[in-house]
Amino acid sequence: SQLGTSESGLFVGTIGSVYYLPEG
């Protein structure tokens, strides 16, 4: 979020999909 978005979190790439985990 400090670099220009409204929230922080983590992306992970698997097979055929990307998933997002919001911080907390």
PDBML (XML) file of the C-alpha atoms, coordinates in Angstrom:
<?xml version="1.0" encoding="UTF-8" ?>
<PDBx:datablock datablockName="MODEL"
   xmlns:PDBx="http://pdbml.pdb.org/schema/pdbx-v50.xsd"
   xmlns:xsi="http://www.w3.org/2001/XMLSchema-instance"
   xsi:schemaLocation="http://pdbml.pdb.org/schema/pdbx-v50.xsd pdbx-v50.xsd">
   <PDBx:atom_siteCategory>
      <PDBx:atom_site id="1">
         <PDBx:B_iso_or_equiv>0.00</PDBx:B_iso_or_equiv>
         <PDBx:Cartn_x>0.000</PDBx:Cartn_x>
         <PDBx:Cartn_y>0.000</PDBx:Cartn_y>
         <PDBx:Cartn_z>0.000</PDBx:Cartn_z>
         <PDBx:auth_asym_id>A</PDBx:auth_asym_id>
         <PDBx:auth_atom_id>CA</PDBx:auth_atom_id>
         <PDBx:auth_comp_id>SER</PDBx:auth_comp_id>
         <PDBx:auth_seq_id>1</PDBx:auth_seq_id>
         <PDBx:group_PDB>ATOM</PDBx:group_PDB>
         <PDBx:label_alt_id xsi:nil="true" />
         <PDBx:label_asym_id>A</PDBx:label_asym_id>
         <PDBx:label_atom_id>CA</PDBx:label_atom_id>
         <PDBx:label_comp_id>SER</PDBx:label_comp_id>
         <PDBx:label_entity_id>1</PDBx:label_entity_id>
         <PDBx:label_seq_id>1</PDBx:label_seq_id>
         <PDBx:occupancy>1.00</PDBx:occupancy>
         <PDBx:pdbx_PDB_model_num>1</PDBx:pdbx_PDB_model_num>
         <PDBx:type_symbol>C</PDBx:type_symbol>
      </PDBx:atom_site>
      <PDBx:atom_site id="2">
         <PDBx:B_iso_or_equiv>0.00</PDBx:B_iso_or_equiv>
         <PDBx:Cartn_x>2.950</PDBx:Cartn_x>
         <PDBx:Cartn_y>2.353</PDBx:Cartn_y>
         <PDBx:Cartn_z>0.548</PDBx:Cartn_z>
         <PDBx:auth_asym_id>A</PDBx:auth_asym_id>
         <PDBx:auth_atom_id>CA</PDBx:auth_atom_id>
         <PDBx:auth_comp_id>GLN</PDBx:auth_comp_id>
         <PDBx:auth_seq_id>2</PDBx:auth_seq_id>
         <PDBx:group_PDB>ATOM</PDBx:group_PDB>
         <PDBx:label_alt_id xsi:nil="true" />
         <PDBx:label_asym_id>A</PDBx:label_asym_id>
         <PDBx:label_atom_id>CA</PDBx:label_atom_id>
         <PDBx:label_comp_id>GLN</PDBx:label_comp_id>
         <PDBx:label_entity_id>1</PDBx:label_entity_id>
         <PDBx:label_seq_id>2</PDBx:label_seq_id>
         <PDBx:occupancy>1.00</PDBx:occupancy>
         <PDBx:pdbx_PDB_model_num>1</PDBx:pdbx_PDB_model_num>
         <PDBx:type_symbol>C</PDBx:type_symbol>
      </PDBx:atom_site>
      <PDBx:atom_site id="3">
         <PDBx:B_iso_or_equiv>0.00</PDBx:B_iso_or_equiv>
         <PDBx:Cartn_x>3.785</PDBx:Cartn_x>
         <PDBx:Cartn_y>2.072</PDBx:Cartn_y>
         <PDBx:Cartn_z>-3.139</PDBx:Cartn_z>
         <PDBx:auth_asym_id>A</PDBx:auth_asym_id>
         <PDBx:auth_atom_id>CA</PDBx:auth_atom_id>
         <PDBx:auth_comp_id>LEU</PDBx:auth_comp_id>
         <PDBx:auth_seq_id>3</PDBx:auth_seq_id>
         <PDBx:group_PDB>ATOM</PDBx:group_PDB>
         <PDBx:label_alt_id xsi:nil="true" />
         <PDBx:label_asym_id>A</PDBx:label_asym_id>
         <PDBx:label_atom_id>CA</PDBx:label_atom_id>
         <PDBx:label_comp_id>LEU</PDBx:label_comp_id>
         <PDBx:label_entity_id>1</PDBx:label_entity_id>
         <PDBx:label_seq_id>3</PDBx:label_seq_id>
         <PDBx:occupancy>1.00</PDBx:occupancy>
         <PDBx:pdbx_PDB_model_num>1</PDBx:pdbx_PDB_model_num>
         <PDBx:type_symbol>C</PDBx:type_symbol>
      </PDBx:atom_site>
      <PDBx:atom_site id="4">
         <PDBx:B_iso_or_equiv>0.00</PDBx:B_iso_or_equiv>
         <PDBx:Cartn_x>0.426</PDBx:Cartn_x>
         <PDBx:Cartn_y>3.113</PDBx:Cartn_y>
         <PDBx:Cartn_z>-4.509</PDBx:Cartn_z>
         <PDBx:auth_asym_id>A</PDBx:auth_asym_id>
         <PDBx:auth_atom_id>CA</PDBx:auth_atom_id>
         <PDBx:auth_comp_id>GLY</PDBx:auth_comp_id>
         <PDBx:auth_seq_id>4</PDBx:auth_seq_id>
         <PDBx:group_PDB>ATOM</PDBx:group_PDB>
         <PDBx:label_alt_id xsi:nil="true" />
         <PDBx:label_asym_id>A</PDBx:label_asym_id>
         <PDBx:label_atom_id>CA</PDBx:label_atom_id>
         <PDBx:label_comp_id>GLY</PDBx:label_comp_id>
         <PDBx:label_entity_id>1</PDBx:label_entity_id>
         <PDBx:label_seq_id>4</PDBx:label_seq_id>
         <PDBx:occupancy>1.00</PDBx:occupancy>
         <PDBx:pdbx_PDB_model_num>1</PDBx:pdbx_PDB_model_num>
         <PDBx:type_symbol>C</PDBx:type_symbol>
      </PDBx:atom_site>
      <PDBx:atom_site id="5">
         <PDBx:B_iso_or_equiv>0.00</PDBx:B_iso_or_equiv>
         <PDBx:Cartn_x>-2.483</PDBx:Cartn_x>
         <PDBx:Cartn_y>0.798</PDBx:Cartn_y>
         <PDBx:Cartn_z>-3.690</PDBx:Cartn_z>
         <PDBx:auth_asym_id>A</PDBx:auth_asym_id>
         <PDBx:auth_atom_id>CA</PDBx:auth_atom_id>
         <PDBx:auth_comp_id>THR</PDBx:auth_comp_id>
         <PDBx:auth_seq_id>5</PDBx:auth_seq_id>
         <PDBx:group_PDB>ATOM</PDBx:group_PDB>
         <PDBx:label_alt_id xsi:nil="true" />
         <PDBx:label_asym_id>A</PDBx:label_asym_id>
         <PDBx:label_atom_id>CA</PDBx:label_atom_id>
         <PDBx:label_comp_id>THR</PDBx:label_comp_id>
         <PDBx:label_entity_id>1</PDBx:label_entity_id>
         <PDBx:label_seq_id>5</PDBx:label_seq_id>
         <PDBx:occupancy>1.00</PDBx:occupancy>
         <PDBx:pdbx_PDB_model_num>1</PDBx:pdbx_PDB_model_num>
         <PDBx:type_symbol>C</PDBx:type_symbol>
      </PDBx:atom_site>
      <PDBx:atom_site id="6">
         <PDBx:B_iso_or_equiv>0.00</PDBx:B_iso_or_equiv>
         <PDBx:Cartn_x>-5.262</PDBx:Cartn_x>
         <PDBx:Cartn_y>0.875</PDBx:Cartn_y>
         <PDBx:Cartn_z>-1.140</PDBx:Cartn_z>
         <PDBx:auth_asym_id>A</PDBx:auth_asym_id>
         <PDBx:auth_atom_id>CA</PDBx:auth_atom_id>
         <PDBx:auth_comp_id>SER</PDBx:auth_comp_id>
         <PDBx:auth_seq_id>6</PDBx:auth_seq_id>
         <PDBx:group_PDB>ATOM</PDBx:group_PDB>
         <PDBx:label_alt_id xsi:nil="true" />
         <PDBx:label_asym_id>A</PDBx:label_asym_id>
         <PDBx:label_atom_id>CA</PDBx:label_atom_id>
         <PDBx:label_comp_id>SER</PDBx:label_comp_id>
         <PDBx:label_entity_id>1</PDBx:label_entity_id>
         <PDBx:label_seq_id>6</PDBx:label_seq_id>
         <PDBx:occupancy>1.00</PDBx:occupancy>
         <PDBx:pdbx_PDB_model_num>1</PDBx:pdbx_PDB_model_num>
         <PDBx:type_symbol>C</PDBx:type_symbol>
      </PDBx:atom_site>
      <PDBx:atom_site id="7">
         <PDBx:B_iso_or_equiv>0.00</PDBx:B_iso_or_equiv>
         <PDBx:Cartn_x>-4.140</PDBx:Cartn_x>
         <PDBx:Cartn_y>-2.342</PDBx:Cartn_y>
         <PDBx:Cartn_z>0.547</PDBx:Cartn_z>
         <PDBx:auth_asym_id>A</PDBx:auth_asym_id>
         <PDBx:auth_atom_id>CA</PDBx:auth_atom_id>
         <PDBx:auth_comp_id>GLU</PDBx:auth_comp_id>
         <PDBx:auth_seq_id>7</PDBx:auth_seq_id>
         <PDBx:group_PDB>ATOM</PDBx:group_PDB>
         <PDBx:label_alt_id xsi:nil="true" />
         <PDBx:label_asym_id>A</PDBx:label_asym_id>
         <PDBx:label_atom_id>CA</PDBx:label_atom_id>
         <PDBx:label_comp_id>GLU</PDBx:label_comp_id>
         <PDBx:label_entity_id>1</PDBx:label_entity_id>
         <PDBx:label_seq_id>7</PDBx:label_seq_id>
         <PDBx:occupancy>1.00</PDBx:occupancy>
         <PDBx:pdbx_PDB_model_num>1</PDBx:pdbx_PDB_model_num>
         <PDBx:type_symbol>C</PDBx:type_symbol>
      </PDBx:atom_site>
      <PDBx:atom_site id="8">
         <PDBx:B_iso_or_equiv>0.00</PDBx:B_iso_or_equiv>
         <PDBx:Cartn_x>-1.182</PDBx:Cartn_x>
         <PDBx:Cartn_y>-4.690</PDBx:Cartn_y>
         <PDBx:Cartn_z>0.955</PDBx:Cartn_z>
         <PDBx:auth_asym_id>A</PDBx:auth_asym_id>
         <PDBx:auth_atom_id>CA</PDBx:auth_atom_id>
         <PDBx:auth_comp_id>SER</PDBx:auth_comp_id>
         <PDBx:auth_seq_id>8</PDBx:auth_seq_id>
         <PDBx:group_PDB>ATOM</PDBx:group_PDB>
         <PDBx:label_alt_id xsi:nil="true" />
         <PDBx:label_asym_id>A</PDBx:label_asym_id>
         <PDBx:label_atom_id>CA</PDBx:label_atom_id>
         <PDBx:label_comp_id>SER</PDBx:label_comp_id>
         <PDBx:label_entity_id>1</PDBx:label_entity_id>
         <PDBx:label_seq_id>8</PDBx:label_seq_id>
         <PDBx:occupancy>1.00</PDBx:occupancy>
         <PDBx:pdbx_PDB_model_num>1</PDBx:pdbx_PDB_model_num>
         <PDBx:type_symbol>C</PDBx:type_symbol>
      </PDBx:atom_site>
      <PDBx:atom_site id="9">
         <PDBx:B_iso_or_equiv>0.00</PDBx:B_iso_or_equiv>
         <PDBx:Cartn_x>-1.019</PDBx:Cartn_x>
         <PDBx:Cartn_y>-8.404</PDBx:Cartn_y>
         <PDBx:Cartn_z>0.364</PDBx:Cartn_z>
         <PDBx:auth_asym_id>A</PDBx:auth_asym_id>
         <PDBx:auth_atom_id>CA</PDBx:auth_atom_id>
         <PDBx:auth_comp_id>GLY</PDBx:auth_comp_id>
         <PDBx:auth_seq_id>9</PDBx:auth_seq_id>
         <PDBx:group_PDB>ATOM</PDBx:group_PDB>
         <PDBx:label_alt_id xsi:nil="true" />
         <PDBx:label_asym_id>A</PDBx:label_asym_id>
         <PDBx:label_atom_id>CA</PDBx:label_atom_id>
         <PDBx:label_comp_id>GLY</PDBx:label_comp_id>
         <PDBx:label_entity_id>1</PDBx:label_entity_id>
         <PDBx:label_seq_id>9</PDBx:label_seq_id>
         <PDBx:occupancy>1.00</PDBx:occupancy>
         <PDBx:pdbx_PDB_model_num>1</PDBx:pdbx_PDB_model_num>
         <PDBx:type_symbol>C</PDBx:type_symbol>
      </PDBx:atom_site>
      <PDBx:atom_site id="10">
         <PDBx:B_iso_or_equiv>0.00</PDBx:B_iso_or_equiv>
         <PDBx:Cartn_x>0.583</PDBx:Cartn_x>
         <PDBx:Cartn_y>-11.332</PDBx:Cartn_y>
         <PDBx:Cartn_z>-1.418</PDBx:Cartn_z>
         <PDBx:auth_asym_id>A</PDBx:auth_asym_id>
         <PDBx:auth_atom_id>CA</PDBx:auth_atom_id>
         <PDBx:auth_comp_id>LEU</PDBx:auth_comp_id>
         <PDBx:auth_seq_id>10</PDBx:auth_seq_id>
         <PDBx:group_PDB>ATOM</PDBx:group_PDB>
         <PDBx:label_alt_id xsi:nil="true" />
         <PDBx:label_asym_id>A</PDBx:label_asym_id>
         <PDBx:label_atom_id>CA</PDBx:label_atom_id>
         <PDBx:label_comp_id>LEU</PDBx:label_comp_id>
         <PDBx:label_entity_id>1</PDBx:label_entity_id>
         <PDBx:label_seq_id>10</PDBx:label_seq_id>
         <PDBx:occupancy>1.00</PDBx:occupancy>
         <PDBx:pdbx_PDB_model_num>1</PDBx:pdbx_PDB_model_num>
         <PDBx:type_symbol>C</PDBx:type_symbol>
      </PDBx:atom_site>
      <PDBx:atom_site id="11">
         <PDBx:B_iso_or_equiv>0.00</PDBx:B_iso_or_equiv>
         <PDBx:Cartn_x>0.087</PDBx:Cartn_x>
         <PDBx:Cartn_y>-12.915</PDBx:Cartn_y>
         <PDBx:Cartn_z>-4.847</PDBx:Cartn_z>
         <PDBx:auth_asym_id>A</PDBx:auth_asym_id>
         <PDBx:auth_atom_id>CA</PDBx:auth_atom_id>
         <PDBx:auth_comp_id>PHE</PDBx:auth_comp_id>
         <PDBx:auth_seq_id>11</PDBx:auth_seq_id>
         <PDBx:group_PDB>ATOM</PDBx:group_PDB>
         <PDBx:label_alt_id xsi:nil="true" />
         <PDBx:label_asym_id>A</PDBx:label_asym_id>
         <PDBx:label_atom_id>CA</PDBx:label_atom_id>
         <PDBx:label_comp_id>PHE</PDBx:label_comp_id>
         <PDBx:label_entity_id>1</PDBx:label_entity_id>
         <PDBx:label_seq_id>11</PDBx:label_seq_id>
         <PDBx:occupancy>1.00</PDBx:occupancy>
         <PDBx:pdbx_PDB_model_num>1</PDBx:pdbx_PDB_model_num>
         <PDBx:type_symbol>C</PDBx:type_symbol>
      </PDBx:atom_site>
      <PDBx:atom_site id="12">
         <PDBx:B_iso_or_equiv>0.00</PDBx:B_iso_or_equiv>
         <PDBx:Cartn_x>0.921</PDBx:Cartn_x>
         <PDBx:Cartn_y>-16.562</PDBx:Cartn_y>
         <PDBx:Cartn_z>-5.555</PDBx:Cartn_z>
         <PDBx:auth_asym_id>A</PDBx:auth_asym_id>
         <PDBx:auth_atom_id>CA</PDBx:auth_atom_id>
         <PDBx:auth_comp_id>VAL</PDBx:auth_comp_id>
         <PDBx:auth_seq_id>12</PDBx:auth_seq_id>
         <PDBx:group_PDB>ATOM</PDBx:group_PDB>
         <PDBx:label_alt_id xsi:nil="true" />
         <PDBx:label_asym_id>A</PDBx:label_asym_id>
         <PDBx:label_atom_id>CA</PDBx:label_atom_id>
         <PDBx:label_comp_id>VAL</PDBx:label_comp_id>
         <PDBx:label_entity_id>1</PDBx:label_entity_id>
         <PDBx:label_seq_id>12</PDBx:label_seq_id>
         <PDBx:occupancy>1.00</PDBx:occupancy>
         <PDBx:pdbx_PDB_model_num>1</PDBx:pdbx_PDB_model_num>
         <PDBx:type_symbol>C</PDBx:type_symbol>
      </PDBx:atom_site>
      <PDBx:atom_site id="13">
         <PDBx:B_iso_or_equiv>0.00</PDBx:B_iso_or_equiv>
         <PDBx:Cartn_x>1.039</PDBx:Cartn_x>
         <PDBx:Cartn_y>-18.315</PDBx:Cartn_y>
         <PDBx:Cartn_z>-8.925</PDBx:Cartn_z>
         <PDBx:auth_asym_id>A</PDBx:auth_asym_id>
         <PDBx:auth_atom_id>CA</PDBx:auth_atom_id>
         <PDBx:auth_comp_id>GLY</PDBx:auth_comp_id>
         <PDBx:auth_seq_id>13</PDBx:auth_seq_id>
         <PDBx:group_PDB>ATOM</PDBx:group_PDB>
         <PDBx:label_alt_id xsi:nil="true" />
         <PDBx:label_asym_id>A</PDBx:label_asym_id>
         <PDBx:label_atom_id>CA</PDBx:label_atom_id>
         <PDBx:label_comp_id>GLY</PDBx:label_comp_id>
         <PDBx:label_entity_id>1</PDBx:label_entity_id>
         <PDBx:label_seq_id>13</PDBx:label_seq_id>
         <PDBx:occupancy>1.00</PDBx:occupancy>
         <PDBx:pdbx_PDB_model_num>1</PDBx:pdbx_PDB_model_num>
         <PDBx:type_symbol>C</PDBx:type_symbol>
      </PDBx:atom_site>
      <PDBx:atom_site id="14">
         <PDBx:B_iso_or_equiv>0.00</PDBx:B_iso_or_equiv>
         <PDBx:Cartn_x>0.098</PDBx:Cartn_x>
         <PDBx:Cartn_y>-21.995</PDBx:Cartn_y>
         <PDBx:Cartn_z>-9.192</PDBx:Cartn_z>
         <PDBx:auth_asym_id>A</PDBx:auth_asym_id>
         <PDBx:auth_atom_id>CA</PDBx:auth_atom_id>
         <PDBx:auth_comp_id>THR</PDBx:auth_comp_id>
         <PDBx:auth_seq_id>14</PDBx:auth_seq_id>
         <PDBx:group_PDB>ATOM</PDBx:group_PDB>
         <PDBx:label_alt_id xsi:nil="true" />
         <PDBx:label_asym_id>A</PDBx:label_asym_id>
         <PDBx:label_atom_id>CA</PDBx:label_atom_id>
         <PDBx:label_comp_id>THR</PDBx:label_comp_id>
         <PDBx:label_entity_id>1</PDBx:label_entity_id>
         <PDBx:label_seq_id>14</PDBx:label_seq_id>
         <PDBx:occupancy>1.00</PDBx:occupancy>
         <PDBx:pdbx_PDB_model_num>1</PDBx:pdbx_PDB_model_num>
         <PDBx:type_symbol>C</PDBx:type_symbol>
      </PDBx:atom_site>
      <PDBx:atom_site id="15">
         <PDBx:B_iso_or_equiv>0.00</PDBx:B_iso_or_equiv>
         <PDBx:Cartn_x>-1.040</PDBx:Cartn_x>
         <PDBx:Cartn_y>-23.947</PDBx:Cartn_y>
         <PDBx:Cartn_z>-12.287</PDBx:Cartn_z>
         <PDBx:auth_asym_id>A</PDBx:auth_asym_id>
         <PDBx:auth_atom_id>CA</PDBx:auth_atom_id>
         <PDBx:auth_comp_id>ILE</PDBx:auth_comp_id>
         <PDBx:auth_seq_id>15</PDBx:auth_seq_id>
         <PDBx:group_PDB>ATOM</PDBx:group_PDB>
         <PDBx:label_alt_id xsi:nil="true" />
         <PDBx:label_asym_id>A</PDBx:label_asym_id>
         <PDBx:label_atom_id>CA</PDBx:label_atom_id>
         <PDBx:label_comp_id>ILE</PDBx:label_comp_id>
         <PDBx:label_entity_id>1</PDBx:label_entity_id>
         <PDBx:label_seq_id>15</PDBx:label_seq_id>
         <PDBx:occupancy>1.00</PDBx:occupancy>
         <PDBx:pdbx_PDB_model_num>1</PDBx:pdbx_PDB_model_num>
         <PDBx:type_symbol>C</PDBx:type_symbol>
      </PDBx:atom_site>
      <PDBx:atom_site id="16">
         <PDBx:B_iso_or_equiv>0.00</PDBx:B_iso_or_equiv>
         <PDBx:Cartn_x>-3.493</PDBx:Cartn_x>
         <PDBx:Cartn_y>-21.960</PDBx:Cartn_y>
         <PDBx:Cartn_z>-14.369</PDBx:Cartn_z>
         <PDBx:auth_asym_id>A</PDBx:auth_asym_id>
         <PDBx:auth_atom_id>CA</PDBx:auth_atom_id>
         <PDBx:auth_comp_id>GLY</PDBx:auth_comp_id>
         <PDBx:auth_seq_id>16</PDBx:auth_seq_id>
         <PDBx:group_PDB>ATOM</PDBx:group_PDB>
         <PDBx:label_alt_id xsi:nil="true" />
         <PDBx:label_asym_id>A</PDBx:label_asym_id>
         <PDBx:label_atom_id>CA</PDBx:label_atom_id>
         <PDBx:label_comp_id>GLY</PDBx:label_comp_id>
         <PDBx:label_entity_id>1</PDBx:label_entity_id>
         <PDBx:label_seq_id>16</PDBx:label_seq_id>
         <PDBx:occupancy>1.00</PDBx:occupancy>
         <PDBx:pdbx_PDB_model_num>1</PDBx:pdbx_PDB_model_num>
         <PDBx:type_symbol>C</PDBx:type_symbol>
      </PDBx:atom_site>
      <PDBx:atom_site id="17">
         <PDBx:B_iso_or_equiv>0.00</PDBx:B_iso_or_equiv>
         <PDBx:Cartn_x>-4.322</PDBx:Cartn_x>
         <PDBx:Cartn_y>-19.534</PDBx:Cartn_y>
         <PDBx:Cartn_z>-11.555</PDBx:Cartn_z>
         <PDBx:auth_asym_id>A</PDBx:auth_asym_id>
         <PDBx:auth_atom_id>CA</PDBx:auth_atom_id>
         <PDBx:auth_comp_id>SER</PDBx:auth_comp_id>
         <PDBx:auth_seq_id>17</PDBx:auth_seq_id>
         <PDBx:group_PDB>ATOM</PDBx:group_PDB>
         <PDBx:label_alt_id xsi:nil="true" />
         <PDBx:label_asym_id>A</PDBx:label_asym_id>
         <PDBx:label_atom_id>CA</PDBx:label_atom_id>
         <PDBx:label_comp_id>SER</PDBx:label_comp_id>
         <PDBx:label_entity_id>1</PDBx:label_entity_id>
         <PDBx:label_seq_id>17</PDBx:label_seq_id>
         <PDBx:occupancy>1.00</PDBx:occupancy>
         <PDBx:pdbx_PDB_model_num>1</PDBx:pdbx_PDB_model_num>
         <PDBx:type_symbol>C</PDBx:type_symbol>
      </PDBx:atom_site>
      <PDBx:atom_site id="18">
         <PDBx:B_iso_or_equiv>0.00</PDBx:B_iso_or_equiv>
         <PDBx:Cartn_x>-3.087</PDBx:Cartn_x>
         <PDBx:Cartn_y>-16.559</PDBx:Cartn_y>
         <PDBx:Cartn_z>-9.570</PDBx:Cartn_z>
         <PDBx:auth_asym_id>A</PDBx:auth_asym_id>
         <PDBx:auth_atom_id>CA</PDBx:auth_atom_id>
         <PDBx:auth_comp_id>VAL</PDBx:auth_comp_id>
         <PDBx:auth_seq_id>18</PDBx:auth_seq_id>
         <PDBx:group_PDB>ATOM</PDBx:group_PDB>
         <PDBx:label_alt_id xsi:nil="true" />
         <PDBx:label_asym_id>A</PDBx:label_asym_id>
         <PDBx:label_atom_id>CA</PDBx:label_atom_id>
         <PDBx:label_comp_id>VAL</PDBx:label_comp_id>
         <PDBx:label_entity_id>1</PDBx:label_entity_id>
         <PDBx:label_seq_id>18</PDBx:label_seq_id>
         <PDBx:occupancy>1.00</PDBx:occupancy>
         <PDBx:pdbx_PDB_model_num>1</PDBx:pdbx_PDB_model_num>
         <PDBx:type_symbol>C</PDBx:type_symbol>
      </PDBx:atom_site>
      <PDBx:atom_site id="19">
         <PDBx:B_iso_or_equiv>0.00</PDBx:B_iso_or_equiv>
         <PDBx:Cartn_x>-4.397</PDBx:Cartn_x>
         <PDBx:Cartn_y>-16.094</PDBx:Cartn_y>
         <PDBx:Cartn_z>-6.012</PDBx:Cartn_z>
         <PDBx:auth_asym_id>A</PDBx:auth_asym_id>
         <PDBx:auth_atom_id>CA</PDBx:auth_atom_id>
         <PDBx:auth_comp_id>TYR</PDBx:auth_comp_id>
         <PDBx:auth_seq_id>19</PDBx:auth_seq_id>
         <PDBx:group_PDB>ATOM</PDBx:group_PDB>
         <PDBx:label_alt_id xsi:nil="true" />
         <PDBx:label_asym_id>A</PDBx:label_asym_id>
         <PDBx:label_atom_id>CA</PDBx:label_atom_id>
         <PDBx:label_comp_id>TYR</PDBx:label_comp_id>
         <PDBx:label_entity_id>1</PDBx:label_entity_id>
         <PDBx:label_seq_id>19</PDBx:label_seq_id>
         <PDBx:occupancy>1.00</PDBx:occupancy>
         <PDBx:pdbx_PDB_model_num>1</PDBx:pdbx_PDB_model_num>
         <PDBx:type_symbol>C</PDBx:type_symbol>
      </PDBx:atom_site>
      <PDBx:atom_site id="20">
         <PDBx:B_iso_or_equiv>0.00</PDBx:B_iso_or_equiv>
         <PDBx:Cartn_x>-4.310</PDBx:Cartn_x>
         <PDBx:Cartn_y>-13.041</PDBx:Cartn_y>
         <PDBx:Cartn_z>-3.764</PDBx:Cartn_z>
         <PDBx:auth_asym_id>A</PDBx:auth_asym_id>
         <PDBx:auth_atom_id>CA</PDBx:auth_atom_id>
         <PDBx:auth_comp_id>TYR</PDBx:auth_comp_id>
         <PDBx:auth_seq_id>20</PDBx:auth_seq_id>
         <PDBx:group_PDB>ATOM</PDBx:group_PDB>
         <PDBx:label_alt_id xsi:nil="true" />
         <PDBx:label_asym_id>A</PDBx:label_asym_id>
         <PDBx:label_atom_id>CA</PDBx:label_atom_id>
         <PDBx:label_comp_id>TYR</PDBx:label_comp_id>
         <PDBx:label_entity_id>1</PDBx:label_entity_id>
         <PDBx:label_seq_id>20</PDBx:label_seq_id>
         <PDBx:occupancy>1.00</PDBx:occupancy>
         <PDBx:pdbx_PDB_model_num>1</PDBx:pdbx_PDB_model_num>
         <PDBx:type_symbol>C</PDBx:type_symbol>
      </PDBx:atom_site>
      <PDBx:atom_site id="21">
         <PDBx:B_iso_or_equiv>0.00</PDBx:B_iso_or_equiv>
         <PDBx:Cartn_x>-4.145</PDBx:Cartn_x>
         <PDBx:Cartn_y>-12.926</PDBx:Cartn_y>
         <PDBx:Cartn_z>0.050</PDBx:Cartn_z>
         <PDBx:auth_asym_id>A</PDBx:auth_asym_id>
         <PDBx:auth_atom_id>CA</PDBx:auth_atom_id>
         <PDBx:auth_comp_id>LEU</PDBx:auth_comp_id>
         <PDBx:auth_seq_id>21</PDBx:auth_seq_id>
         <PDBx:group_PDB>ATOM</PDBx:group_PDB>
         <PDBx:label_alt_id xsi:nil="true" />
         <PDBx:label_asym_id>A</PDBx:label_asym_id>
         <PDBx:label_atom_id>CA</PDBx:label_atom_id>
         <PDBx:label_comp_id>LEU</PDBx:label_comp_id>
         <PDBx:label_entity_id>1</PDBx:label_entity_id>
         <PDBx:label_seq_id>21</PDBx:label_seq_id>
         <PDBx:occupancy>1.00</PDBx:occupancy>
         <PDBx:pdbx_PDB_model_num>1</PDBx:pdbx_PDB_model_num>
         <PDBx:type_symbol>C</PDBx:type_symbol>
      </PDBx:atom_site>
      <PDBx:atom_site id="22">
         <PDBx:B_iso_or_equiv>0.00</PDBx:B_iso_or_equiv>
         <PDBx:Cartn_x>-4.955</PDBx:Cartn_x>
         <PDBx:Cartn_y>-9.521</PDBx:Cartn_y>
         <PDBx:Cartn_z>1.600</PDBx:Cartn_z>
         <PDBx:auth_asym_id>A</PDBx:auth_asym_id>
         <PDBx:auth_atom_id>CA</PDBx:auth_atom_id>
         <PDBx:auth_comp_id>PRO</PDBx:auth_comp_id>
         <PDBx:auth_seq_id>22</PDBx:auth_seq_id>
         <PDBx:group_PDB>ATOM</PDBx:group_PDB>
         <PDBx:label_alt_id xsi:nil="true" />
         <PDBx:label_asym_id>A</PDBx:label_asym_id>
         <PDBx:label_atom_id>CA</PDBx:label_atom_id>
         <PDBx:label_comp_id>PRO</PDBx:label_comp_id>
         <PDBx:label_entity_id>1</PDBx:label_entity_id>
         <PDBx:label_seq_id>22</PDBx:label_seq_id>
         <PDBx:occupancy>1.00</PDBx:occupancy>
         <PDBx:pdbx_PDB_model_num>1</PDBx:pdbx_PDB_model_num>
         <PDBx:type_symbol>C</PDBx:type_symbol>
      </PDBx:atom_site>
      <PDBx:atom_site id="23">
         <PDBx:B_iso_or_equiv>0.00</PDBx:B_iso_or_equiv>
         <PDBx:Cartn_x>-2.720</PDBx:Cartn_x>
         <PDBx:Cartn_y>-8.604</PDBx:Cartn_y>
         <PDBx:Cartn_z>4.532</PDBx:Cartn_z>
         <PDBx:auth_asym_id>A</PDBx:auth_asym_id>
         <PDBx:auth_atom_id>CA</PDBx:auth_atom_id>
         <PDBx:auth_comp_id>GLU</PDBx:auth_comp_id>
         <PDBx:auth_seq_id>23</PDBx:auth_seq_id>
         <PDBx:group_PDB>ATOM</PDBx:group_PDB>
         <PDBx:label_alt_id xsi:nil="true" />
         <PDBx:label_asym_id>A</PDBx:label_asym_id>
         <PDBx:label_atom_id>CA</PDBx:label_atom_id>
         <PDBx:label_comp_id>GLU</PDBx:label_comp_id>
         <PDBx:label_entity_id>1</PDBx:label_entity_id>
         <PDBx:label_seq_id>23</PDBx:label_seq_id>
         <PDBx:occupancy>1.00</PDBx:occupancy>
         <PDBx:pdbx_PDB_model_num>1</PDBx:pdbx_PDB_model_num>
         <PDBx:type_symbol>C</PDBx:type_symbol>
      </PDBx:atom_site>
      <PDBx:atom_site id="24">
         <PDBx:B_iso_or_equiv>0.00</PDBx:B_iso_or_equiv>
         <PDBx:Cartn_x>-4.177</PDBx:Cartn_x>
         <PDBx:Cartn_y>-9.943</PDBx:Cartn_y>
         <PDBx:Cartn_z>7.781</PDBx:Cartn_z>
         <PDBx:auth_asym_id>A</PDBx:auth_asym_id>
         <PDBx:auth_atom_id>CA</PDBx:auth_atom_id>
         <PDBx:auth_comp_id>GLY</PDBx:auth_comp_id>
         <PDBx:auth_seq_id>24</PDBx:auth_seq_id>
         <PDBx:group_PDB>ATOM</PDBx:group_PDB>
         <PDBx:label_alt_id xsi:nil="true" />
         <PDBx:label_asym_id>A</PDBx:label_asym_id>
         <PDBx:label_atom_id>CA</PDBx:label_atom_id>
         <PDBx:label_comp_id>GLY</PDBx:label_comp_id>
         <PDBx:label_entity_id>1</PDBx:label_entity_id>
         <PDBx:label_seq_id>24</PDBx:label_seq_id>
         <PDBx:occupancy>1.00</PDBx:occupancy>
         <PDBx:pdbx_PDB_model_num>1</PDBx:pdbx_PDB_model_num>
         <PDBx:type_symbol>C</PDBx:type_symbol>
      </PDBx:atom_site>
   </PDBx:atom_siteCategory>
</PDBx:datablock>
